[in-house]
Amino acid sequence: MLEVGFDVRYPLLDETNSWIAGVERHLVSIADAIYSVVPFDLATVGEEVSGLFHAPGSDVDLAIRRDDVDRRGGFVISPGLWERLRPTVAAELRTTGLRWVPPRG
């Protein structure tokens, strides 16, 4: 569906698809709006990320770790989970208290 509105070049990299950052910003804004009504610990943003990571407590093998946040990015993280993981990477602090770590790649 992205190809309907954008000039998509594979692989999906920021360097070849200047529109990606704007789409990610909109998705993070949607996460802010949802978090304001129904708080959550973790959201993922990026290509093919659905189901790759979970907040700690559900599936130990897929539970997000500090290293995942620091290396991969693409995460919207609640204040509580941020404090538990203590990532070393810089993150954008949102007005909702969420932290946004853009994908790297």
Protein backbone atom coordinates (compact mmCIF):
# COMPACT_ATOMS: atom_id res chain seq x y z
CA MET A 1 0.00 0.00 0.00
CA LEU A 2 2.94 2.36 0.53
CA GLU A 3 3.54 2.28 -3.20
CA VAL A 4 0.15 3.93 -3.76
CA GLY A 5 1.30 7.13 -2.07
CA PHE A 6 5.08 7.02 -2.24
CA ASP A 7 7.96 6.28 -4.59
CA VAL A 8 9.12 3.11 -2.83
CA ARG A 9 12.63 1.79 -3.36
CA TYR A 10 13.68 -1.56 -1.89
CA PRO A 11 15.22 -2.27 0.46
CA LEU A 12 13.28 0.21 2.59
CA LEU A 13 16.10 2.46 3.78
CA ASP A 14 15.98 6.11 4.81
CA GLU A 15 18.72 6.92 2.30
CA THR A 16 16.62 5.81 -0.67
CA ASN A 17 13.15 6.61 0.70
CA SER A 18 13.07 10.14 2.11
CA TRP A 19 9.40 9.78 3.06
CA ILE A 20 10.02 7.06 5.70
CA ALA A 21 10.86 9.47 8.53
CA GLY A 22 7.58 11.34 8.00
CA VAL A 23 5.53 8.15 8.08
CA GLU A 24 7.33 7.02 11.24
CA ARG A 25 6.59 10.38 12.90
CA HIS A 26 2.89 9.96 12.15
CA LEU A 27 2.92 6.43 13.58
CA VAL A 28 4.62 7.66 16.76
CA SER A 29 1.99 10.42 17.06
CA ILE A 30 -0.70 7.74 16.82
CA ALA A 31 1.11 5.81 19.58
CA ASP A 32 1.05 8.97 21.73
CA ALA A 33 -2.70 9.33 21.22
CA ILE A 34 -3.35 5.68 22.08
CA TYR A 35 -1.06 5.80 25.12
CA SER A 36 -2.99 8.78 26.47
CA VAL A 37 -6.13 6.64 26.59
CA VAL A 38 -4.80 3.10 27.00
CA PRO A 39 -1.25 3.01 28.39
CA PHE A 40 1.10 0.36 27.04
CA ASP A 41 4.75 -0.54 27.61
CA LEU A 42 6.05 -1.10 24.08
CA ALA A 43 5.25 -0.36 20.46
CA THR A 44 7.43 -1.11 17.45
CA VAL A 45 7.79 0.94 14.27
CA GLY A 46 9.53 -0.23 11.12
CA GLU A 47 9.41 -2.68 8.28
CA GLU A 48 8.28 -6.20 9.19
CA VAL A 49 8.40 -5.63 12.98
CA SER A 50 5.05 -7.01 14.03
CA GLY A 51 5.49 -9.71 16.65
CA LEU A 52 9.29 -9.54 16.81
CA PHE A 53 9.45 -8.08 20.30
CA HIS A 54 7.23 -8.06 23.36
CA ALA A 55 7.27 -6.19 26.63
CA PRO A 56 8.83 -8.29 29.40
CA GLY A 57 6.51 -10.73 31.09
CA SER A 58 4.79 -12.50 28.22
CA ASP A 59 7.27 -14.51 26.13
CA VAL A 60 10.79 -14.60 27.54
CA ASP A 61 12.37 -15.45 24.17
CA LEU A 62 10.79 -12.40 22.55
CA ALA A 63 11.03 -10.02 25.50
CA ILE A 64 12.82 -6.82 24.56
CA ARG A 65 16.24 -6.23 26.07
CA ARG A 66 18.39 -3.13 26.48
CA ASP A 67 20.66 -4.34 23.68
CA ASP A 68 17.69 -4.51 21.27
CA VAL A 69 16.83 -0.89 21.98
CA ASP A 70 20.44 0.27 21.71
CA ARG A 71 21.25 -1.63 18.49
CA ARG A 72 18.02 -1.77 16.49
CA GLY A 73 15.79 1.09 17.50
CA GLY A 74 12.27 1.38 16.15
CA PHE A 75 10.70 1.39 19.61
CA VAL A 76 8.19 3.52 21.46
CA ILE A 77 8.78 2.77 25.14
CA SER A 78 6.81 3.67 28.27
CA PRO A 79 8.54 5.50 31.14
CA GLY A 80 8.34 2.41 33.36
CA LEU A 81 9.85 0.04 30.79
CA TRP A 82 12.53 2.62 29.95
CA GLU A 83 13.56 2.69 33.62
CA ARG A 84 13.65 -1.12 33.82
CA LEU A 85 15.71 -1.53 30.62
CA ARG A 86 17.93 1.54 31.09
CA PRO A 87 19.02 1.84 27.44
CA THR A 88 22.14 3.87 26.69
CA VAL A 89 20.95 5.18 23.33
CA ALA A 90 19.53 8.69 22.99
CA ALA A 91 15.75 8.83 22.65
CA GLU A 92 13.19 11.51 21.92
CA LEU A 93 11.10 12.21 25.02
CA ARG A 94 7.50 12.72 23.92
CA THR A 95 4.99 14.92 25.77
CA THR A 96 3.17 11.75 26.87
CA GLY A 97 6.30 10.51 28.62
CA LEU A 98 6.93 7.89 25.96
CA ARG A 99 10.43 7.58 24.54
CA TRP A 100 10.92 7.20 20.76
CA VAL A 101 14.05 5.47 19.51
CA PRO A 102 14.02 5.63 15.68
CA PRO A 103 14.99 2.51 13.71
CA ARG A 104 18.61 2.11 12.74
CA GLY A 105 19.62 0.20 9.87
